Amino acid sequence: MISSIKECCRGSCQKLTKFILFIERFSMSEYHIVASTAELGDEDQVHVNVNGRDILLCKHAGKYYAIDYYCNHAFLPMEGGTMQHGLITCPYHGAEFSLADGSAQAAPAWEALTSYPIQVTNESITIAVT
C-alpha cells in the first residue's frame, strides 16, 4: 500500500512523501521492554542497551524520554546531565539537547541525538528501535 501511495504521488507531494517515510520508519520498529515505571522516579536517568544500542532512558517533569546515551560532541555519556525545561545538558562540555526529539540546542554539539519512541503500558516502559 505504501509503495502504491508513493507511485500515485510521483514525488509531487513532498509532505506526503516525508510522512510516508516517517510511518515506514516506525512500522519497522520493534518495541522492547526496558524498565518498569517503579524503577524511574522523576528526574531519574538509566542506561539501557537495546539490540546493541546504548540508550539513556529519562523521566523528566513526569514524562519519559529515550535518547542516545553518548553525546555526539565528544562521545562521552549523557548520563548525569542536568535536565531542565525539556532539555538535557551534557555533564562534560555543556552541549544541550531536546529530550523530546534529540535536537541540538547549544554548542559545542550541532547534530541531533537519536530519540526513540516510548510507550508505557501496564507499568512497563518500552522503547522502539529499528
N, C-alpha and C. Protein backbone atom coordinates (compact mmCIF):
# COMPACT_ATOMS: atom_id res chain seq x y z
N MET A 1 0.81 -1.19 0.00
CA MET A 1 0.00 0.00 0.00
C MET A 1 0.86 1.26 0.00
N ILE A 2 1.91 1.27 0.83
CA ILE A 2 2.77 2.44 0.90
C ILE A 2 3.42 2.70 -0.45
N SER A 3 3.90 1.65 -1.12
CA SER A 3 4.52 1.86 -2.43
C SER A 3 3.49 2.35 -3.44
N SER A 4 2.23 1.93 -3.31
CA SER A 4 1.17 2.43 -4.19
C SER A 4 0.96 3.92 -4.00
N ILE A 5 0.97 4.36 -2.75
CA ILE A 5 0.80 5.78 -2.47
C ILE A 5 1.97 6.56 -3.04
N LYS A 6 3.19 6.04 -2.87
CA LYS A 6 4.37 6.72 -3.42
C LYS A 6 4.27 6.83 -4.94
N GLU A 7 3.82 5.74 -5.58
CA GLU A 7 3.71 5.73 -7.03
C GLU A 7 2.68 6.76 -7.49
N CYS A 8 1.56 6.82 -6.81
CA CYS A 8 0.50 7.76 -7.15
C CYS A 8 0.99 9.19 -6.96
N CYS A 9 1.74 9.42 -5.91
CA CYS A 9 2.24 10.76 -5.59
C CYS A 9 3.28 11.21 -6.62
N ARG A 10 4.12 10.29 -7.09
CA ARG A 10 5.17 10.54 -8.08
C ARG A 10 6.08 11.73 -7.70
N GLY A 11 6.34 11.87 -6.41
CA GLY A 11 7.29 12.89 -5.96
C GLY A 11 6.74 14.30 -5.92
N SER A 12 5.51 14.51 -6.33
CA SER A 12 4.98 15.86 -6.36
C SER A 12 4.44 16.32 -5.01
N CYS A 13 4.27 15.41 -4.12
CA CYS A 13 3.72 15.74 -2.80
C CYS A 13 4.80 15.52 -1.74
N GLN A 14 5.67 16.47 -1.59
CA GLN A 14 6.83 16.31 -0.70
C GLN A 14 6.41 16.02 0.74
N LYS A 15 5.40 16.72 1.25
CA LYS A 15 4.97 16.50 2.62
C LYS A 15 4.43 15.08 2.80
N LEU A 16 3.66 14.61 1.83
CA LEU A 16 3.12 13.26 1.91
C LEU A 16 4.25 12.24 1.89
N THR A 17 5.25 12.46 1.06
CA THR A 17 6.39 11.54 0.98
C THR A 17 7.13 11.50 2.31
N LYS A 18 7.36 12.66 2.93
CA LYS A 18 8.04 12.69 4.24
C LYS A 18 7.21 11.95 5.28
N PHE A 19 5.90 12.14 5.25
CA PHE A 19 5.03 11.46 6.20
C PHE A 19 5.10 9.95 6.00
N ILE A 20 5.09 9.51 4.76
CA ILE A 20 5.16 8.08 4.46
C ILE A 20 6.48 7.50 4.97
N LEU A 21 7.58 8.20 4.76
CA LEU A 21 8.88 7.73 5.25
C LEU A 21 8.88 7.64 6.76
N PHE A 22 8.24 8.61 7.43
CA PHE A 22 8.12 8.61 8.88
C PHE A 22 7.35 7.37 9.33
N ILE A 23 6.22 7.09 8.68
CA ILE A 23 5.40 5.93 9.02
C ILE A 23 6.17 4.63 8.77
N GLU A 24 6.88 4.55 7.64
CA GLU A 24 7.67 3.35 7.34
C GLU A 24 8.70 3.10 8.41
N ARG A 25 9.36 4.16 8.86
CA ARG A 25 10.41 4.01 9.87
C ARG A 25 9.85 3.37 11.13
N PHE A 26 8.69 3.85 11.59
CA PHE A 26 8.15 3.35 12.83
C PHE A 26 7.36 2.06 12.65
N SER A 27 6.91 1.76 11.45
CA SER A 27 6.23 0.49 11.24
C SER A 27 7.22 -0.66 11.26
N MET A 28 8.49 -0.37 10.99
CA MET A 28 9.52 -1.40 11.04
C MET A 28 10.15 -1.48 12.43
N SER A 29 9.76 -0.59 13.32
CA SER A 29 10.32 -0.58 14.67
C SER A 29 9.72 -1.70 15.49
N GLU A 30 10.51 -2.13 16.44
CA GLU A 30 10.05 -3.16 17.36
C GLU A 30 10.22 -2.60 18.77
N TYR A 31 9.18 -2.71 19.59
CA TYR A 31 9.25 -2.20 20.96
C TYR A 31 9.85 -3.26 21.89
N HIS A 32 10.71 -2.80 22.78
CA HIS A 32 11.39 -3.67 23.73
C HIS A 32 11.15 -3.14 25.14
N ILE A 33 10.79 -4.03 26.06
CA ILE A 33 10.63 -3.63 27.46
C ILE A 33 12.01 -3.34 28.03
N VAL A 34 12.17 -2.15 28.61
CA VAL A 34 13.47 -1.76 29.15
C VAL A 34 13.46 -1.49 30.64
N ALA A 35 12.28 -1.20 31.20
CA ALA A 35 12.20 -0.89 32.63
C ALA A 35 10.74 -0.89 33.06
N SER A 36 10.55 -0.84 34.37
CA SER A 36 9.19 -0.65 34.89
C SER A 36 9.09 0.79 35.39
N THR A 37 7.88 1.29 35.45
CA THR A 37 7.70 2.68 35.89
C THR A 37 8.18 2.86 37.33
N ALA A 38 8.16 1.80 38.13
CA ALA A 38 8.62 1.89 39.51
C ALA A 38 10.13 2.12 39.61
N GLU A 39 10.85 1.78 38.55
CA GLU A 39 12.32 1.91 38.56
C GLU A 39 12.79 3.35 38.35
N LEU A 40 11.95 4.20 37.78
CA LEU A 40 12.38 5.57 37.49
C LEU A 40 11.51 6.58 38.22
N GLY A 41 12.13 7.30 39.16
CA GLY A 41 11.45 8.42 39.79
C GLY A 41 11.62 9.64 38.90
N ASP A 42 10.89 10.71 39.22
CA ASP A 42 11.02 11.92 38.41
C ASP A 42 12.45 12.43 38.48
N GLU A 43 12.97 12.83 37.36
CA GLU A 43 14.33 13.34 37.16
C GLU A 43 15.40 12.25 37.21
N ASP A 44 14.99 10.98 37.13
CA ASP A 44 15.95 9.88 37.09
C ASP A 44 16.39 9.59 35.65
N GLN A 45 17.56 8.97 35.54
CA GLN A 45 18.13 8.56 34.26
C GLN A 45 18.70 7.15 34.43
N VAL A 46 18.57 6.34 33.39
CA VAL A 46 19.14 5.00 33.46
C VAL A 46 19.66 4.61 32.07
N HIS A 47 20.81 3.96 32.07
CA HIS A 47 21.43 3.47 30.84
C HIS A 47 20.81 2.12 30.50
N VAL A 48 20.30 1.98 29.28
CA VAL A 48 19.77 0.70 28.81
C VAL A 48 20.42 0.37 27.48
N ASN A 49 20.47 -0.92 27.17
CA ASN A 49 21.01 -1.35 25.89
C ASN A 49 19.93 -2.16 25.17
N VAL A 50 19.57 -1.71 23.98
CA VAL A 50 18.54 -2.38 23.19
C VAL A 50 19.14 -2.74 21.84
N ASN A 51 19.22 -4.03 21.56
CA ASN A 51 19.79 -4.50 20.28
C ASN A 51 21.15 -3.88 19.98
N GLY A 52 21.99 -3.77 21.00
CA GLY A 52 23.33 -3.22 20.81
C GLY A 52 23.41 -1.71 20.80
N ARG A 53 22.28 -1.03 21.01
CA ARG A 53 22.29 0.44 21.05
C ARG A 53 22.27 0.91 22.49
N ASP A 54 23.18 1.81 22.82
CA ASP A 54 23.20 2.40 24.15
C ASP A 54 22.24 3.58 24.16
N ILE A 55 21.27 3.51 25.08
CA ILE A 55 20.20 4.50 25.14
C ILE A 55 20.09 5.02 26.57
N LEU A 56 19.83 6.32 26.70
CA LEU A 56 19.59 6.92 28.00
C LEU A 56 18.09 7.09 28.16
N LEU A 57 17.52 6.38 29.13
CA LEU A 57 16.10 6.48 29.45
C LEU A 57 15.97 7.49 30.58
N CYS A 58 15.13 8.50 30.39
CA CYS A 58 14.98 9.58 31.37
C CYS A 58 13.52 9.78 31.73
N LYS A 59 13.29 10.24 32.94
CA LYS A 59 11.97 10.72 33.33
C LYS A 59 12.16 12.16 33.79
N HIS A 60 11.49 13.06 33.10
CA HIS A 60 11.64 14.49 33.39
C HIS A 60 10.26 15.14 33.36
N ALA A 61 9.93 15.85 34.42
CA ALA A 61 8.64 16.55 34.52
C ALA A 61 7.47 15.60 34.24
N GLY A 62 7.60 14.37 34.74
CA GLY A 62 6.52 13.40 34.62
C GLY A 62 6.43 12.66 33.30
N LYS A 63 7.33 12.95 32.36
CA LYS A 63 7.30 12.28 31.05
C LYS A 63 8.56 11.45 30.86
N TYR A 64 8.43 10.39 30.07
CA TYR A 64 9.57 9.52 29.76
C TYR A 64 10.16 9.89 28.41
N TYR A 65 11.50 9.81 28.34
CA TYR A 65 12.22 10.11 27.10
C TYR A 65 13.33 9.09 26.92
N ALA A 66 13.71 8.87 25.67
CA ALA A 66 14.83 7.98 25.35
C ALA A 66 15.64 8.62 24.23
N ILE A 67 16.93 8.83 24.51
CA ILE A 67 17.84 9.44 23.53
C ILE A 67 19.14 8.64 23.52
N ASP A 68 20.00 8.94 22.56
CA ASP A 68 21.32 8.29 22.53
C ASP A 68 22.02 8.49 23.87
N TYR A 69 22.71 7.45 24.31
CA TYR A 69 23.43 7.50 25.59
C TYR A 69 24.67 8.39 25.51
N TYR A 70 25.31 8.39 24.35
CA TYR A 70 26.55 9.15 24.21
C TYR A 70 26.33 10.47 23.49
N CYS A 71 26.93 11.52 24.01
CA CYS A 71 26.91 12.83 23.37
C CYS A 71 27.69 12.73 22.07
N ASN A 72 27.16 13.31 21.01
CA ASN A 72 27.85 13.21 19.73
C ASN A 72 28.98 14.22 19.56
N HIS A 73 29.19 15.06 20.57
CA HIS A 73 30.29 16.02 20.51
C HIS A 73 31.62 15.35 20.85
N ALA A 74 31.66 14.65 21.99
CA ALA A 74 32.91 14.03 22.41
C ALA A 74 32.73 12.56 22.77
N PHE A 75 31.55 12.01 22.48
CA PHE A 75 31.24 10.60 22.71
C PHE A 75 31.42 10.18 24.16
N LEU A 76 31.02 11.08 25.05
CA LEU A 76 31.00 10.79 26.48
C LEU A 76 29.55 10.60 26.91
N PRO A 77 29.31 9.86 28.01
CA PRO A 77 27.93 9.57 28.43
C PRO A 77 27.14 10.83 28.79
N MET A 78 25.88 10.83 28.38
CA MET A 78 24.96 11.91 28.75
C MET A 78 24.40 11.69 30.15
N GLU A 79 24.53 10.47 30.66
CA GLU A 79 24.00 10.14 31.98
C GLU A 79 24.60 11.07 33.03
N GLY A 80 23.75 11.59 33.89
CA GLY A 80 24.18 12.53 34.92
C GLY A 80 24.03 13.97 34.48
N GLY A 81 23.64 14.18 33.23
CA GLY A 81 23.42 15.54 32.75
C GLY A 81 22.20 16.16 33.40
N THR A 82 22.22 17.46 33.56
CA THR A 82 21.11 18.19 34.17
C THR A 82 19.94 18.25 33.20
N MET A 83 18.74 18.01 33.73
CA MET A 83 17.53 18.11 32.91
C MET A 83 16.70 19.29 33.41
N GLN A 84 16.44 20.24 32.52
CA GLN A 84 15.62 21.41 32.85
C GLN A 84 14.87 21.86 31.61
N HIS A 85 13.60 22.22 31.79
CA HIS A 85 12.79 22.81 30.72
C HIS A 85 12.79 21.95 29.45
N GLY A 86 12.79 20.63 29.61
CA GLY A 86 12.73 19.74 28.45
C GLY A 86 14.06 19.52 27.75
N LEU A 87 15.15 20.01 28.35
CA LEU A 87 16.48 19.86 27.77
C LEU A 87 17.36 19.05 28.71
N ILE A 88 18.37 18.40 28.14
CA ILE A 88 19.40 17.73 28.94
C ILE A 88 20.74 18.33 28.54
N THR A 89 21.57 18.61 29.54
CA THR A 89 22.89 19.20 29.31
C THR A 89 23.95 18.14 29.53
N CYS A 90 24.85 18.00 28.56
CA CYS A 90 25.96 17.06 28.69
C CYS A 90 26.79 17.44 29.92
N PRO A 91 27.06 16.49 30.82
CA PRO A 91 27.79 16.82 32.04
C PRO A 91 29.27 17.14 31.81
N TYR A 92 29.78 16.92 30.61
CA TYR A 92 31.20 17.13 30.36
C TYR A 92 31.52 18.45 29.67
N HIS A 93 30.77 18.80 28.64
CA HIS A 93 31.11 20.00 27.88
C HIS A 93 29.95 20.97 27.70
N GLY A 94 28.80 20.69 28.30
CA GLY A 94 27.70 21.64 28.31
C GLY A 94 26.81 21.67 27.07
N ALA A 95 27.00 20.74 26.14
CA ALA A 95 26.10 20.69 24.98
C ALA A 95 24.69 20.40 25.47
N GLU A 96 23.70 21.04 24.86
CA GLU A 96 22.31 20.84 25.27
C GLU A 96 21.51 20.21 24.14
N PHE A 97 20.61 19.30 24.53
CA PHE A 97 19.77 18.59 23.58
C PHE A 97 18.34 18.57 24.08
N SER A 98 17.40 18.58 23.15
CA SER A 98 15.99 18.42 23.49
C SER A 98 15.74 16.97 23.86
N LEU A 99 15.07 16.76 24.98
CA LEU A 99 14.71 15.39 25.36
C LEU A 99 13.63 14.84 24.44
N ALA A 100 12.79 15.70 23.91
CA ALA A 100 11.66 15.26 23.08
C ALA A 100 12.10 14.72 21.72
N ASP A 101 13.05 15.41 21.08
CA ASP A 101 13.43 14.99 19.72
C ASP A 101 14.93 14.85 19.50
N GLY A 102 15.73 15.09 20.54
CA GLY A 102 17.18 14.93 20.44
C GLY A 102 17.90 16.07 19.75
N SER A 103 17.18 17.09 19.29
CA SER A 103 17.82 18.17 18.54
C SER A 103 18.82 18.93 19.41
N ALA A 104 19.94 19.31 18.79
CA ALA A 104 20.97 20.08 19.48
C ALA A 104 20.45 21.49 19.72
N GLN A 105 20.62 21.98 20.95
CA GLN A 105 20.12 23.29 21.32
C GLN A 105 21.23 24.27 21.68
N ALA A 106 22.42 23.77 21.99
CA ALA A 106 23.53 24.65 22.35
C ALA A 106 24.86 23.97 22.02
N ALA A 107 25.82 24.79 21.64
CA ALA A 107 27.17 24.32 21.33
C ALA A 107 27.78 23.69 22.58
N PRO A 108 28.74 22.82 22.43
CA PRO A 108 29.52 22.56 21.22
C PRO A 108 28.92 21.52 20.28
N ALA A 109 27.76 20.97 20.57
CA ALA A 109 27.15 20.00 19.66
C ALA A 109 26.22 20.71 18.69
N TRP A 110 26.21 20.25 17.44
CA TRP A 110 25.33 20.84 16.43
C TRP A 110 24.44 19.80 15.77
N GLU A 111 24.74 18.53 15.97
CA GLU A 111 23.92 17.47 15.39
C GLU A 111 23.01 16.87 16.45
N ALA A 112 21.84 16.45 16.03
CA ALA A 112 20.87 15.87 16.95
C ALA A 112 21.31 14.49 17.42
N LEU A 113 20.90 14.15 18.63
CA LEU A 113 20.99 12.78 19.11
C LEU A 113 19.76 12.05 18.58
N THR A 114 19.85 10.75 18.44
CA THR A 114 18.67 9.99 18.06
C THR A 114 17.74 9.93 19.25
N SER A 115 16.47 10.17 19.01
CA SER A 115 15.46 9.98 20.06
C SER A 115 14.63 8.76 19.67
N TYR A 116 14.13 8.07 20.66
CA TYR A 116 13.42 6.81 20.43
C TYR A 116 12.00 6.90 20.97
N PRO A 117 11.02 6.41 20.22
CA PRO A 117 9.64 6.41 20.70
C PRO A 117 9.49 5.52 21.93
N ILE A 118 8.67 5.99 22.86
CA ILE A 118 8.43 5.26 24.11
C ILE A 118 6.94 4.99 24.26
N GLN A 119 6.62 3.84 24.82
CA GLN A 119 5.25 3.54 25.23
C GLN A 119 5.30 3.06 26.67
N VAL A 120 4.30 3.47 27.44
CA VAL A 120 4.16 2.98 28.81
C VAL A 120 2.83 2.23 28.88
N THR A 121 2.93 0.92 29.18
CA THR A 121 1.75 0.07 29.23
C THR A 121 1.85 -0.85 30.44
N ASN A 122 0.80 -0.86 31.26
CA ASN A 122 0.78 -1.75 32.43
C ASN A 122 2.07 -1.67 33.23
N GLU A 123 2.55 -0.48 33.48
CA GLU A 123 3.75 -0.21 34.27
C GLU A 123 5.05 -0.64 33.61
N SER A 124 5.00 -1.04 32.34
CA SER A 124 6.21 -1.38 31.59
C SER A 124 6.56 -0.23 30.65
N ILE A 125 7.83 0.12 30.61
CA ILE A 125 8.32 1.14 29.69
C ILE A 125 8.98 0.41 28.53
N THR A 126 8.53 0.71 27.32
CA THR A 126 9.09 0.08 26.14
C THR A 126 9.65 1.15 25.21
N ILE A 127 10.73 0.80 24.51
CA ILE A 127 11.38 1.70 23.55
C ILE A 127 11.38 1.02 22.19
N ALA A 128 11.08 1.81 21.16
CA ALA A 128 11.08 1.28 19.79
C ALA A 128 12.42 1.55 19.13
N VAL A 129 13.00 0.50 18.56
CA VAL A 129 14.21 0.65 17.75
C VAL A 129 13.99 -0.09 16.44
N THR A 130 14.66 0.38 15.39
CA THR A 130 14.51 -0.27 14.09
C THR A 130 15.58 -1.32 13.93
